[in-house]
PDB file of N, CA and C in Angstrom:
ATOM      1  N   MET A   1      44.948  43.053 -15.248  1.00  0.00           N
ATOM      2  CA  MET A   1      44.276  42.066 -15.767  1.00  0.00           C
ATOM      3  C   MET A   1      44.364  40.621 -15.524  1.00  0.00           C
ATOM      4  N   LEU A   2      45.621  40.437 -15.811  1.00  0.00           N
ATOM      5  CA  LEU A   2      45.883  39.069 -15.405  1.00  0.00           C
ATOM      6  C   LEU A   2      45.881  38.458 -14.004  1.00  0.00           C
ATOM      7  N   ARG A   3      45.942  39.160 -13.316  1.00  0.00           N
ATOM      8  CA  ARG A   3      46.060  39.237 -11.550  1.00  0.00           C
ATOM      9  C   ARG A   3      44.528  38.994 -11.466  1.00  0.00           C
ATOM     10  N   PHE A   4      43.712  39.930 -11.928  1.00  0.00           N
ATOM     11  CA  PHE A   4      42.006  39.744 -11.648  1.00  0.00           C
ATOM     12  C   PHE A   4      41.734  38.495 -12.311  1.00  0.00           C
ATOM     13  N   SER A   5      42.238  38.081 -13.700  1.00  0.00           N
ATOM     14  CA  SER A   5      41.597  36.449 -14.152  1.00  0.00           C
ATOM     15  C   SER A   5      42.095  35.512 -13.361  1.00  0.00           C
ATOM     16  N   LEU A   6      43.149  35.516 -13.092  1.00  0.00           N
ATOM     17  CA  LEU A   6      43.919  34.593 -11.946  1.00  0.00           C
ATOM     18  C   LEU A   6      42.973  34.235 -10.659  1.00  0.00           C
ATOM     19  N   ASP A   7      42.281  35.507  -9.996  1.00  0.00           N
ATOM     20  CA  ASP A   7      41.683  35.782  -9.003  1.00  0.00           C
ATOM     21  C   ASP A   7      40.340  35.073  -9.083  1.00  0.00           C
ATOM     22  N   ALA A   8      39.506  35.560 -10.350  1.00  0.00           N
ATOM     23  CA  ALA A   8      38.437  35.021 -10.761  1.00  0.00           C
ATOM     24  C   ALA A   8      38.343  33.499 -10.972  1.00  0.00           C
ATOM     25  N   ILE A   9      39.474  32.927 -11.601  1.00  0.00           N
ATOM     26  CA  ILE A   9      39.408  31.212 -11.768  1.00  0.00           C
ATOM     27  C   ILE A   9      39.765  30.602 -10.232  1.00  0.00           C
ATOM     28  N   SER A  10      40.525  31.264  -9.600  1.00  0.00           N
ATOM     29  CA  SER A  10      41.265  30.307  -8.130  1.00  0.00           C
ATOM     30  C   SER A  10      39.750  30.909  -7.283  1.00  0.00           C
ATOM     31  N   SER A  11      38.956  31.809  -7.354  1.00  0.00           N
ATOM     32  CA  SER A  11      37.963  31.735  -6.394  1.00  0.00           C
ATOM     33  C   SER A  11      36.653  31.165  -6.888  1.00  0.00           C
ATOM     34  N   PHE A  12      36.413  31.210  -8.097  1.00  0.00           N
ATOM     35  CA  PHE A  12      34.973  30.408  -7.889  1.00  0.00           C
ATOM     36  C   PHE A  12      35.293  29.053  -8.910  1.00  0.00           C
ATOM     37  N   SER A  13      36.260  28.354  -8.958  1.00  0.00           N
ATOM     38  CA  SER A  13      36.242  27.464  -9.388  1.00  0.00           C
ATOM     39  C   SER A  13      37.274  25.913  -8.595  1.00  0.00           C
ATOM     40  N   HIS A  14      36.725  25.092  -8.623  1.00  0.00           N
ATOM     41  CA  HIS A  14      37.417  23.983  -8.404  1.00  0.00           C
ATOM     42  C   HIS A  14      38.158  23.270  -9.330  1.00  0.00           C
ATOM     43  N   ARG A  15      38.784  23.822 -10.368  1.00  0.00           N
ATOM     44  CA  ARG A  15      38.916  23.026 -11.880  1.00  0.00           C
ATOM     45  C   ARG A  15      40.340  23.121 -11.356  1.00  0.00           C
ATOM     46  N   PRO A  16      41.087  24.023 -11.113  1.00  0.00           N
ATOM     47  CA  PRO A  16      42.923  24.161 -10.873  1.00  0.00           C
ATOM     48  C   PRO A  16      43.016  22.809 -10.206  1.00  0.00           C
ATOM     49  N   LEU A  17      42.335  23.032  -9.030  1.00  0.00           N
ATOM     50  CA  LEU A  17      42.603  21.447  -7.783  1.00  0.00           C
ATOM     51  C   LEU A  17      42.361  20.417  -8.291  1.00  0.00           C
ATOM     52  N   GLN A  18      41.179  20.013  -9.371  1.00  0.00           N
ATOM     53  CA  GLN A  18      41.066  19.039 -10.069  1.00  0.00           C
ATOM     54  C   GLN A  18      42.060  18.913 -10.984  1.00  0.00           C
ATOM     55  N   LEU A  19      42.633  19.582 -11.467  1.00  0.00           N
ATOM     56  CA  LEU A  19      43.731  19.606 -12.754  1.00  0.00           C
ATOM     57  C   LEU A  19      44.927  19.361 -11.949  1.00  0.00           C
ATOM     58  N   ALA A  20      45.028  19.316 -10.612  1.00  0.00           N
ATOM     59  CA  ALA A  20      46.347  19.128  -9.973  1.00  0.00           C
ATOM     60  C   ALA A  20      46.452  17.595  -9.567  1.00  0.00           C
ATOM     61  N   THR A  21      45.263  17.313  -9.355  1.00  0.00           N
ATOM     62  CA  THR A  21      45.120  15.703  -8.790  1.00  0.00           C
ATOM     63  C   THR A  21      45.096  14.949 -10.377  1.00  0.00           C
ATOM     64  N   LEU A  22      44.248  15.251 -11.197  1.00  0.00           N
ATOM     65  CA  LEU A  22      44.546  14.431 -12.689  1.00  0.00           C
ATOM     66  C   LEU A  22      46.011  14.756 -12.994  1.00  0.00           C
ATOM     67  N   LEU A  23      46.649  15.863 -12.657  1.00  0.00           N
ATOM     68  CA  LEU A  23      48.189  15.748 -13.481  1.00  0.00           C
ATOM     69  C   LEU A  23      48.861  14.734 -12.666  1.00  0.00           C
ATOM     70  N   GLY A  24      48.673  14.538 -11.353  1.00  0.00           N
ATOM     71  CA  GLY A  24      49.085  13.918 -10.405  1.00  0.00           C
ATOM     72  C   GLY A  24      49.488  12.546 -10.733  1.00  0.00           C
ATOM     73  N   PHE A  25      48.045  12.067 -11.357  1.00  0.00           N
ATOM     74  CA  PHE A  25      47.460  10.283 -11.682  1.00  0.00           C
ATOM     75  C   PHE A  25      48.430  10.117 -13.047  1.00  0.00           C
ATOM     76  N   ILE A  26      48.585  11.431 -13.815  1.00  0.00           N
ATOM     77  CA  ILE A  26      49.085  11.059 -15.281  1.00  0.00           C
ATOM     78  C   ILE A  26      50.468  10.828 -14.925  1.00  0.00           C
ATOM     79  N   VAL A  27      51.143  12.185 -14.325  1.00  0.00           N
ATOM     80  CA  VAL A  27      52.500  11.547 -13.690  1.00  0.00           C
ATOM     81  C   VAL A  27      52.990  10.234 -13.074  1.00  0.00           C
ATOM     82  N   SER A  28      52.080  10.044 -12.397  1.00  0.00           N
ATOM     83  CA  SER A  28      52.022   8.474 -11.402  1.00  0.00           C
ATOM     84  C   SER A  28      52.279   7.524 -12.630  1.00  0.00           C
ATOM     85  N   THR A  29      51.136   7.563 -13.173  1.00  0.00           N
ATOM     86  CA  THR A  29      50.750   6.439 -14.362  1.00  0.00           C
ATOM     87  C   THR A  29      52.106   6.357 -15.005  1.00  0.00           C
ATOM     88  N   LEU A  30      52.671   7.384 -15.629  1.00  0.00           N
ATOM     89  CA  LEU A  30      53.965   7.553 -16.610  1.00  0.00           C
ATOM     90  C   LEU A  30      55.140   6.905 -16.093  1.00  0.00           C
ATOM     91  N   ALA A  31      55.006   7.231 -14.354  1.00  0.00           N
ATOM     92  CA  ALA A  31      56.389   6.624 -13.801  1.00  0.00           C
ATOM     93  C   ALA A  31      56.374   5.004 -13.814  1.00  0.00           C
ATOM     94  N   PHE A  32      54.756   4.316 -13.377  1.00  0.00           N
ATOM     95  CA  PHE A  32      54.463   3.014 -13.356  1.00  0.00           C
ATOM     96  C   PHE A  32      54.858   2.411 -14.721  1.00  0.00           C
ATOM     97  N   ILE A  33      54.724   3.026 -15.928  1.00  0.00           N
ATOM     98  CA  ILE A  33      54.683   2.546 -16.943  1.00  0.00           C
ATOM     99  C   ILE A  33      56.465   2.523 -17.257  1.00  0.00           C
ATOM    100  N   ALA A  34      56.958   3.553 -17.117  1.00  0.00           N
ATOM    101  CA  ALA A  34      58.293   3.569 -17.597  1.00  0.00           C
ATOM    102  C   ALA A  34      58.910   2.636 -16.505  1.00  0.00           C
ATOM    103  N   ILE A  35      58.816   1.951 -15.655  1.00  0.00           N
ATOM    104  CA  ILE A  35      59.546   1.174 -14.679  1.00  0.00           C
ATOM    105  C   ILE A  35      59.589  -0.187 -15.464  1.00  0.00           C
ATOM    106  N   PRO A  36      58.582  -0.738 -15.960  1.00  0.00           N
ATOM    107  CA  PRO A  36      59.172  -1.834 -17.122  1.00  0.00           C
ATOM    108  C   PRO A  36      60.192  -1.819 -17.813  1.00  0.00           C
ATOM    109  N   VAL A  37      59.672  -0.650 -18.546  1.00  0.00           N
ATOM    110  CA  VAL A  37      60.977  -0.368 -19.648  1.00  0.00           C
ATOM    111  C   VAL A  37      61.880  -0.154 -19.241  1.00  0.00           C
ATOM    112  N   VAL A  38      62.366   0.566 -18.035  1.00  0.00           N
ATOM    113  CA  VAL A  38      63.706   0.662 -17.617  1.00  0.00           C
ATOM    114  C   VAL A  38      64.185  -0.492 -17.499  1.00  0.00           C
ATOM    115  N   ILE A  39      63.335  -1.660 -16.784  1.00  0.00           N
ATOM    116  CA  ILE A  39      64.049  -3.071 -16.617  1.00  0.00           C
ATOM    117  C   ILE A  39      64.531  -3.572 -17.809  1.00  0.00           C
ATOM    118  N   VAL A  40      63.724  -3.369 -18.800  1.00  0.00           N
ATOM    119  CA  VAL A  40      63.828  -4.158 -20.180  1.00  0.00           C
ATOM    120  C   VAL A  40      64.731  -3.715 -20.664  1.00  0.00           C
ATOM    121  N   LEU A  41      65.174  -2.466 -20.774  1.00  0.00           N
ATOM    122  CA  LEU A  41      66.499  -1.338 -21.536  1.00  0.00           C
ATOM    123  C   LEU A  41      67.598  -1.981 -20.463  1.00  0.00           C
ATOM    124  N   ARG A  42      67.675  -2.221 -19.205  1.00  0.00           N
ATOM    125  CA  ARG A  42      68.738  -2.917 -18.259  1.00  0.00           C
ATOM    126  C   ARG A  42      69.299  -4.108 -19.132  1.00  0.00           C
ATOM    127  N   ILE A  43      68.277  -4.939 -19.028  1.00  0.00           N
ATOM    128  CA  ILE A  43      68.283  -6.229 -19.731  1.00  0.00           C
ATOM    129  C   ILE A  43      68.881  -6.446 -20.950  1.00  0.00           C
ATOM    130  N   VAL A  44      68.502  -5.728 -21.717  1.00  0.00           N
ATOM    131  CA  VAL A  44      68.828  -5.684 -23.330  1.00  0.00           C
ATOM    132  C   VAL A  44      70.272  -4.823 -23.512  1.00  0.00           C
ATOM    133  N   GLY A  45      70.527  -4.048 -22.322  1.00  0.00           N
ATOM    134  CA  GLY A  45      72.003  -3.218 -22.431  1.00  0.00           C
ATOM    135  C   GLY A  45      71.915  -1.662 -23.047  1.00  0.00           C
ATOM    136  N   SER A  46      71.051  -1.591 -23.273  1.00  0.00           N
ATOM    137  CA  SER A  46      70.688  -0.179 -23.885  1.00  0.00           C
ATOM    138  C   SER A  46      70.472   0.930 -22.389  1.00  0.00           C
ATOM    139  N   TYR A  47      71.327   1.139 -21.491  1.00  0.00           N
ATOM    140  CA  TYR A  47      71.029   1.378 -20.243  1.00  0.00           C
ATOM    141  C   TYR A  47      71.792   2.810 -19.904  1.00  0.00           C
ATOM    142  N   LEU A  48      71.427   3.883 -19.195  1.00  0.00           N
ATOM    143  CA  LEU A  48      72.490   4.680 -18.758  1.00  0.00           C
ATOM    144  C   LEU A  48      72.201   4.712 -17.514  1.00  0.00           C
ATOM    145  N   PRO A  49      73.390   4.460 -16.795  1.00  0.00           N
ATOM    146  CA  PRO A  49      73.184   4.159 -15.345  1.00  0.00           C
ATOM    147  C   PRO A  49      72.961   5.749 -14.266  1.00  0.00           C
ATOM    148  N   GLY A  50      72.254   5.445 -13.607  1.00  0.00           N
ATOM    149  CA  GLY A  50      71.802   6.543 -12.865  1.00  0.00           C
ATOM    150  C   GLY A  50      70.436   7.552 -12.996  1.00  0.00           C
ATOM    151  N   PHE A  51      70.548   7.593 -14.447  1.00  0.00           N
ATOM    152  CA  PHE A  51      69.866   8.358 -15.038  1.00  0.00           C
ATOM    153  C   PHE A  51      68.274   8.051 -15.272  1.00  0.00           C
ATOM    154  N   SER A  52      68.078   7.081 -14.931  1.00  0.00           N
ATOM    155  CA  SER A  52      66.607   6.341 -15.167  1.00  0.00           C
ATOM    156  C   SER A  52      65.925   6.312 -13.705  1.00  0.00           C
ATOM    157  N   SER A  53      67.032   5.866 -12.760  1.00  0.00           N
ATOM    158  CA  SER A  53      66.136   5.704 -11.510  1.00  0.00           C
ATOM    159  C   SER A  53      66.240   6.656 -10.863  1.00  0.00           C
ATOM    160  N   VAL A  54      66.755   7.757 -11.177  1.00  0.00           N
ATOM    161  CA  VAL A  54      66.427   9.459 -10.539  1.00  0.00           C
ATOM    162  C   VAL A  54      65.494   9.781 -11.019  1.00  0.00           C
ATOM    163  N   THR A  55      65.451   9.563 -12.766  1.00  0.00           N
ATOM    164  CA  THR A  55      63.797  10.327 -13.179  1.00  0.00           C
ATOM    165  C   THR A  55      62.851   9.383 -12.725  1.00  0.00           C
ATOM    166  N   LEU A  56      62.822   8.208 -12.677  1.00  0.00           N
ATOM    167  CA  LEU A  56      61.485   7.739 -12.247  1.00  0.00           C
ATOM    168  C   LEU A  56      60.945   8.130 -10.932  1.00  0.00           C
ATOM    169  N   ALA A  57      62.343   7.974  -9.852  1.00  0.00           N
ATOM    170  CA  ALA A  57      62.130   8.505  -8.603  1.00  0.00           C
ATOM    171  C   ALA A  57      61.396   9.696  -8.326  1.00  0.00           C
ATOM    172  N   VAL A  58      61.738  10.705  -9.159  1.00  0.00           N
ATOM    173  CA  VAL A  58      61.220  12.219  -8.910  1.00  0.00           C
ATOM    174  C   VAL A  58      59.716  12.198  -9.934  1.00  0.00           C
ATOM    175  N   LEU A  59      59.909  11.306 -10.993  1.00  0.00           N
ATOM    176  CA  LEU A  59      58.257  11.221 -11.617  1.00  0.00           C
ATOM    177  C   LEU A  59      57.635  10.830 -10.523  1.00  0.00           C
ATOM    178  N   LEU A  60      57.749   9.886  -9.714  1.00  0.00           N
ATOM    179  CA  LEU A  60      56.923   8.664  -8.762  1.00  0.00           C
ATOM    180  C   LEU A  60      56.583   9.685  -7.702  1.00  0.00           C
ATOM    181  N   LEU A  61      57.914  10.615  -7.169  1.00  0.00           N
ATOM    182  CA  LEU A  61      57.476  10.722  -5.872  1.00  0.00           C
ATOM    183  C   LEU A  61      56.596  12.424  -6.452  1.00  0.00           C
ATOM    184  N   GLY A  62      56.840  13.098  -7.256  1.00  0.00           N
ATOM    185  CA  GLY A  62      56.309  14.128  -7.781  1.00  0.00           C
ATOM    186  C   GLY A  62      54.760  13.866  -8.044  1.00  0.00           C
ATOM    187  N   GLY A  63      54.432  12.900  -8.718  1.00  0.00           N
ATOM    188  CA  GLY A  63      52.807  12.587  -8.950  1.00  0.00           C
ATOM    189  C   GLY A  63      52.388  12.381  -7.742  1.00  0.00           C
ATOM    190  N   ILE A  64      52.729  11.624  -6.664  1.00  0.00           N
ATOM    191  CA  ILE A  64      52.301  11.291  -5.374  1.00  0.00           C
ATOM    192  C   ILE A  64      52.145  12.607  -4.691  1.00  0.00           C
ATOM    193  N   GLN A  65      53.019  13.317  -5.058  1.00  0.00           N
ATOM    194  CA  GLN A  65      52.691  14.947  -4.020  1.00  0.00           C
ATOM    195  C   GLN A  65      51.464  15.523  -4.855  1.00  0.00           C
ATOM    196  N   LEU A  66      51.581  15.734  -6.378  1.00  0.00           N
ATOM    197  CA  LEU A  66      50.524  16.268  -6.877  1.00  0.00           C
ATOM    198  C   LEU A  66      49.120  15.590  -6.359  1.00  0.00           C
ATOM    199  N   ILE A  67      48.623  14.362  -6.596  1.00  0.00           N
ATOM    200  CA  ILE A  67      47.938  13.482  -6.036  1.00  0.00           C
ATOM    201  C   ILE A  67      47.306  14.254  -4.518  1.00  0.00           C
ATOM    202  N   ALA A  68      48.410  14.086  -3.587  1.00  0.00           N
ATOM    203  CA  ALA A  68      47.911  14.396  -2.286  1.00  0.00           C
ATOM    204  C   ALA A  68      47.447  16.068  -2.220  1.00  0.00           C
ATOM    205  N   ILE A  69      48.285  17.005  -2.857  1.00  0.00           N
ATOM    206  CA  ILE A  69      47.985  18.601  -3.144  1.00  0.00           C
ATOM    207  C   ILE A  69      46.315  18.461  -3.516  1.00  0.00           C
ATOM    208  N   GLY A  70      46.092  17.637  -4.646  1.00  0.00           N
ATOM    209  CA  GLY A  70      44.996  17.888  -5.268  1.00  0.00           C
ATOM    210  C   GLY A  70      43.895  17.308  -4.101  1.00  0.00           C
ATOM    211  N   ILE A  71      43.919  16.635  -3.653  1.00  0.00           N
ATOM    212  CA  ILE A  71      43.112  15.458  -2.427  1.00  0.00           C
ATOM    213  C   ILE A  71      42.930  16.823  -1.290  1.00  0.00           C
ATOM    214  N   ILE A  72      43.867  17.529  -0.759  1.00  0.00           N
ATOM    215  CA  ILE A  72      43.900  18.270   0.318  1.00  0.00           C
ATOM    216  C   ILE A  72      43.204  19.530  -0.319  1.00  0.00           C
ATOM    217  N   GLY A  73      43.724  19.804  -1.517  1.00  0.00           N
ATOM    218  CA  GLY A  73      43.124  21.508  -1.890  1.00  0.00           C
ATOM    219  C   GLY A  73      41.463  21.305  -1.984  1.00  0.00           C
ATOM    220  N   GLU A  74      40.846  20.012  -2.759  1.00  0.00           N
ATOM    221  CA  GLU A  74      39.512  19.484  -2.788  1.00  0.00           C
ATOM    222  C   GLU A  74      38.996  19.578  -1.269  1.00  0.00           C
ATOM    223  N   TYR A  75      39.270  19.164  -0.380  1.00  0.00           N
ATOM    224  CA  TYR A  75      38.886  19.344   0.886  1.00  0.00           C
ATOM    225  C   TYR A  75      38.798  20.619   1.402  1.00  0.00           C
ATOM    226  N   VAL A  76      39.618  21.894   1.117  1.00  0.00           N
ATOM    227  CA  VAL A  76      39.999  22.637   1.550  1.00  0.00           C
ATOM    228  C   VAL A  76      38.635  23.791   0.802  1.00  0.00           C
ATOM    229  N   GLY A  77      38.803  23.235  -0.602  1.00  0.00           N
ATOM    230  CA  GLY A  77      37.551  23.988  -1.496  1.00  0.00           C
ATOM    231  C   GLY A  77      36.527  23.578  -0.972  1.00  0.00           C
ATOM    232  N   ARG A  78      35.951  22.454  -0.616  1.00  0.00           N
ATOM    233  CA  ARG A  78      34.721  22.163  -0.154  1.00  0.00           C
ATOM    234  C   ARG A  78      34.443  22.823   1.260  1.00  0.00           C
ATOM    235  N   ILE A  79      35.148  23.023   1.925  1.00  0.00           N
ATOM    236  CA  ILE A  79      35.114  23.586   3.185  1.00  0.00           C
ATOM    237  C   ILE A  79      34.698  25.203   2.809  1.00  0.00           C
ATOM    238  N   TYR A  80      35.546  25.763   2.226  1.00  0.00           N
ATOM    239  CA  TYR A  80      35.250  27.137   1.818  1.00  0.00           C
ATOM    240  C   TYR A  80      34.220  27.295   1.388  1.00  0.00           C
ATOM    241  N   ASP A  81      33.477  26.107   0.496  1.00  0.00           N
ATOM    242  CA  ASP A  81      32.571  26.535  -0.148  1.00  0.00           C
ATOM    243  C   ASP A  81      31.215  26.404   1.111  1.00  0.00           C
ATOM    244  N   GLU A  82      31.271  25.529   2.066  1.00  0.00           N
ATOM    245  CA  GLU A  82      30.549  25.185   3.292  1.00  0.00           C
ATOM    246  C   GLU A  82      30.541  26.643   3.816  1.00  0.00           C
ATOM    247  N   VAL A  83      31.708  27.118   4.349  1.00  0.00           N
ATOM    248  CA  VAL A  83      31.592  28.192   5.365  1.00  0.00           C
ATOM    249  C   VAL A  83      30.977  29.624   5.064  1.00  0.00           C
ATOM    250  N   LYS A  84      31.082  29.667   3.279  1.00  0.00           N
ATOM    251  CA  LYS A  84      29.841  30.376   3.139  1.00  0.00           C
ATOM    252  C   LYS A  84      28.749  30.937   3.560  1.00  0.00           C
ATOM    253  N   GLY A  85      28.119  29.690   3.527  1.00  0.00           N
ATOM    254  CA  GLY A  85      26.804  29.307   3.918  1.00  0.00           C
ATOM    255  C   GLY A  85      25.908  29.894   3.177  1.00  0.00           C
ATOM    256  N   ARG A  86      26.187  29.677   2.017  1.00  0.00           N
ATOM    257  CA  ARG A  86      25.329  30.169   0.560  1.00  0.00           C
ATOM    258  C   ARG A  86      24.100  28.727   0.284  1.00  0.00           C
ATOM    259  N   PRO A  87      22.912  28.985  -0.405  1.00  0.00           N
ATOM    260  CA  PRO A  87      22.356  28.222  -0.221  1.00  0.00           C
ATOM    261  C   PRO A  87      22.264  27.002  -1.767  1.00  0.00           C
ATOM    262  N   LEU A  88      22.033  25.781  -1.469  1.00  0.00           N
ATOM    263  CA  LEU A  88      22.484  24.656  -2.585  1.00  0.00           C
ATOM    264  C   LEU A  88      21.851  25.526  -3.904  1.00  0.00           C
ATOM    265  N   TYR A  89      20.650  26.177  -3.646  1.00  0.00           N
ATOM    266  CA  TYR A  89      19.824  26.488  -5.013  1.00  0.00           C
ATOM    267  C   TYR A  89      18.777  27.552  -4.343  1.00  0.00           C
ATOM    268  N   LEU A  90      18.310  28.424  -5.341  1.00  0.00           N
ATOM    269  CA  LEU A  90      17.337  29.435  -4.954  1.00  0.00           C
ATOM    270  C   LEU A  90      16.081  29.309  -5.808  1.00  0.00           C
ATOM    271  N   VAL A  91      14.951  29.501  -5.154  1.00  0.00           N
ATOM    272  CA  VAL A  91      13.629  29.391  -5.612  1.00  0.00           C
ATOM    273  C   VAL A  91      13.053  30.630  -6.251  1.00  0.00           C
ATOM    274  N   ARG A  92      13.262  30.753  -7.736  1.00  0.00           N
ATOM    275  CA  ARG A  92      12.590  31.866  -8.075  1.00  0.00           C
ATOM    276  C   ARG A  92      11.434  31.763  -7.948  1.00  0.00           C
ATOM    277  N   SER A  93      10.478  31.066  -8.097  1.00  0.00           N
ATOM    278  CA  SER A  93       8.695  31.205  -8.025  1.00  0.00           C
ATOM    279  C   SER A  93       8.201  30.001  -7.968  1.00  0.00           C
ATOM    280  N   ARG A  94       7.071  29.546  -7.114  1.00  0.00           N
ATOM    281  CA  ARG A  94       6.419  28.528  -6.688  1.00  0.00           C
ATOM    282  C   ARG A  94       5.523  28.465  -7.337  1.00  0.00           C
ATOM    283  N   LEU A  95       4.876  27.485  -7.933  1.00  0.00           N
ATOM    284  CA  LEU A  95       3.823  27.379  -8.904  1.00  0.00           C
ATOM    285  C   LEU A  95       2.563  25.960  -7.998  1.00  0.00           C
ATOM    286  N   ASN A  96       1.524  26.531  -8.124  1.00  0.00           N
ATOM    287  CA  ASN A  96       0.536  25.313  -7.179  1.00  0.00           C
ATOM    288  C   ASN A  96       0.759  24.959  -5.765  1.00  0.00           C
ATOM    289  N   VAL A  97       1.333  25.595  -4.851  1.00  0.00           N
ATOM    290  CA  VAL A  97       1.612  25.395  -3.711  1.00  0.00           C
ATOM    291  C   VAL A  97       1.039  26.474  -2.741  1.00  0.00           C
ATOM    292  N   VAL A  98       0.261  25.570  -1.957  1.00  0.00           N
ATOM    293  CA  VAL A  98      -0.960  25.975  -1.225  1.00  0.00           C
ATOM    294  C   VAL A  98      -0.007  26.350   0.124  1.00  0.00           C
ATOM    295  N   GLU A  99      -0.280  27.863   0.771  1.00  0.00           N
ATOM    296  CA  GLU A  99       0.419  27.776   2.425  1.00  0.00           C
ATOM    297  C   GLU A  99      -0.646  27.592   3.239  1.00  0.00           C
ATOM    298  N   HIS A 100      -0.116  27.098   4.012  1.00  0.00           N
ATOM    299  CA  HIS A 100      -1.215  26.986   5.378  1.00  0.00           C
ATOM    300  C   HIS A 100      -0.126  26.731   6.552  1.00  0.00           C
ATOM    301  N   GLU A 101      -1.080  27.545   7.664  1.00  0.00           N
ATOM    302  CA  GLU A 101      -0.039  27.831   8.901  1.00  0.00           C
ATOM    303  C   GLU A 101      -0.354  26.591  10.029  1.00  0.00           C
ATOM    304  N   THR A 102       0.671  26.266  10.404  1.00  0.00           N
ATOM    305  CA  THR A 102       0.219  24.986  11.588  1.00  0.00           C
ATOM    306  C   THR A 102      -0.215  25.442  12.722  1.00  0.00           C
ATOM    307  N   ALA A 103      -1.339  24.652  13.013  1.00  0.00           N
ATOM    308  CA  ALA A 103      -2.042  24.931  13.978  1.00  0.00           C
ATOM    309  C   ALA A 103      -1.538  24.220  15.408  1.00  0.00           C
ATOM    310  N   GLU A 104      -0.476  24.368  15.972  1.00  0.00           N
ATOM    311  CA  GLU A 104       0.500  23.807  16.988  1.00  0.00           C
ATOM    312  C   GLU A 104       0.022  24.468  18.130  1.00  0.00           C
ATOM    313  N   PRO A 105       0.054  24.242  19.325  1.00  0.00           N
ATOM    314  CA  PRO A 105      -0.293  24.740  20.506  1.00  0.00           C
ATOM    315  C   PRO A 105       0.858  25.622  21.029  1.00  0.00           C
ATOM    316  N   PRO A 106       1.055  26.645  21.270  1.00  0.00           N
ATOM    317  CA  PRO A 106       1.929  27.213  22.017  1.00  0.00           C
ATOM    318  C   PRO A 106       2.973  26.129  23.203  1.00  0.00           C
ATOM    319  N   LEU A 107       3.914  26.377  23.314  1.00  0.00           N
ATOM    320  CA  LEU A 107       4.969  25.781  24.397  1.00  0.00           C
ATOM    321  C   LEU A 107       4.632  26.070  25.597  1.00  0.00           C
ATOM    322  N   PRO A 108       4.674  24.918  26.735  1.00  0.00           N
ATOM    323  CA  PRO A 108       4.488  25.829  27.924  1.00  0.00           C
ATOM    324  C   PRO A 108       5.990  26.747  28.294  1.00  0.00           C
ATOM    325  N   PRO A 109       5.608  27.605  29.104  1.00  0.00           N
ATOM    326  CA  PRO A 109       6.816  28.479  29.797  1.00  0.00           C
ATOM    327  C   PRO A 109       8.169  27.461  30.306  1.00  0.00           C
ATOM    328  N   ALA A 110       9.358  27.829  30.030  1.00  0.00           N
ATOM    329  CA  ALA A 110      10.190  26.976  30.860  1.00  0.00           C
ATOM    330  C   ALA A 110      10.309  27.236  32.169  1.00  0.00           C
ATOM    331  N   PRO A 111      10.767  26.273  32.869  1.00  0.00           N
ATOM    332  CA  PRO A 111      10.511  26.245  34.535  1.00  0.00           C
ATOM    333  C   PRO A 111      11.190  27.198  35.104  1.00  0.00           C
ATOM    334  N   ALA A 112      12.247  28.499  34.897  1.00  0.00           N
ATOM    335  CA  ALA A 112      12.862  29.613  35.492  1.00  0.00           C
ATOM    336  C   ALA A 112      11.784  30.478  35.282  1.00  0.00           C
ATOM    337  N   GLU A 113      10.964  30.606  34.167  1.00  0.00           N
ATOM    338  CA  GLU A 113      10.107  31.491  34.119  1.00  0.00           C
ATOM    339  C   GLU A 113       8.524  31.572  34.473  1.00  0.00           C
ATOM    340  N   ARG A 114       8.611  30.100  34.915  1.00  0.00           N
ATOM    341  CA  ARG A 114       7.089  30.117  35.660  1.00  0.00           C
ATOM    342  C   ARG A 114       7.323  30.830  37.397  1.00  0.00           C
ATOM    343  N   GLY A 115       8.118  30.909  37.581  1.00  0.00           N
ATOM    344  CA  GLY A 115       8.235  31.614  39.419  1.00  0.00           C
ATOM    345  C   GLY A 115       8.368  33.156  38.781  1.00  0.00           C
ATOM    346  N   ARG A 116       8.635  33.788  37.766  1.00  0.00           N
ATOM    347  CA  ARG A 116       8.508  35.142  37.518  1.00  0.00           C
ATOM    348  C   ARG A 116       6.836  35.488  37.360  1.00  0.00           C
ATOM    349  N   MET A 117       6.543  34.349  36.380  1.00  0.00           N
ATOM    350  CA  MET A 117       4.863  34.747  35.830  1.00  0.00           C
ATOM    351  C   MET A 117       3.906  34.415  36.824  1.00  0.00           C
ATOM    352  N   GLY A 118       4.308  33.696  37.904  1.00  0.00           N
ATOM    353  CA  GLY A 118       3.235  33.571  39.165  1.00  0.00           C
ATOM    354  C   GLY A 118       2.840  32.270  39.082  1.00  0.00           C
ATOM    355  N   LEU A 119       3.194  31.342  38.369  1.00  0.00           N
ATOM    356  CA  LEU A 119       2.396  30.014  37.979  1.00  0.00           C
ATOM    357  C   LEU A 119       2.880  28.781  39.074  1.00  0.00           C
TER     358      LEU A 119
END
């Protein structure tokens, strides 16, 4: 049932893709906020060499990757929706609509057909 529920969530919703993008923006924002904090800690002297720079690099690059994956996923999800060929909406009933036929004359036959028809 767990596999079935994961298939249902990923097949009929763009939320996981949007969640990846949002999570990427949050992680990148945290990394950008932490950069001045690390600089201040370096100036004050309460600094652990190597740990902060590696952590910030991982957070920043991970956030950018999540943003990129989310954007690409959004494109793929929209392409998938278009390929299915489903209409945007369905009309259940129409009220006060008068249907009338168009009175357009028929088109003349194509040039290739004229020779077969004797024209």
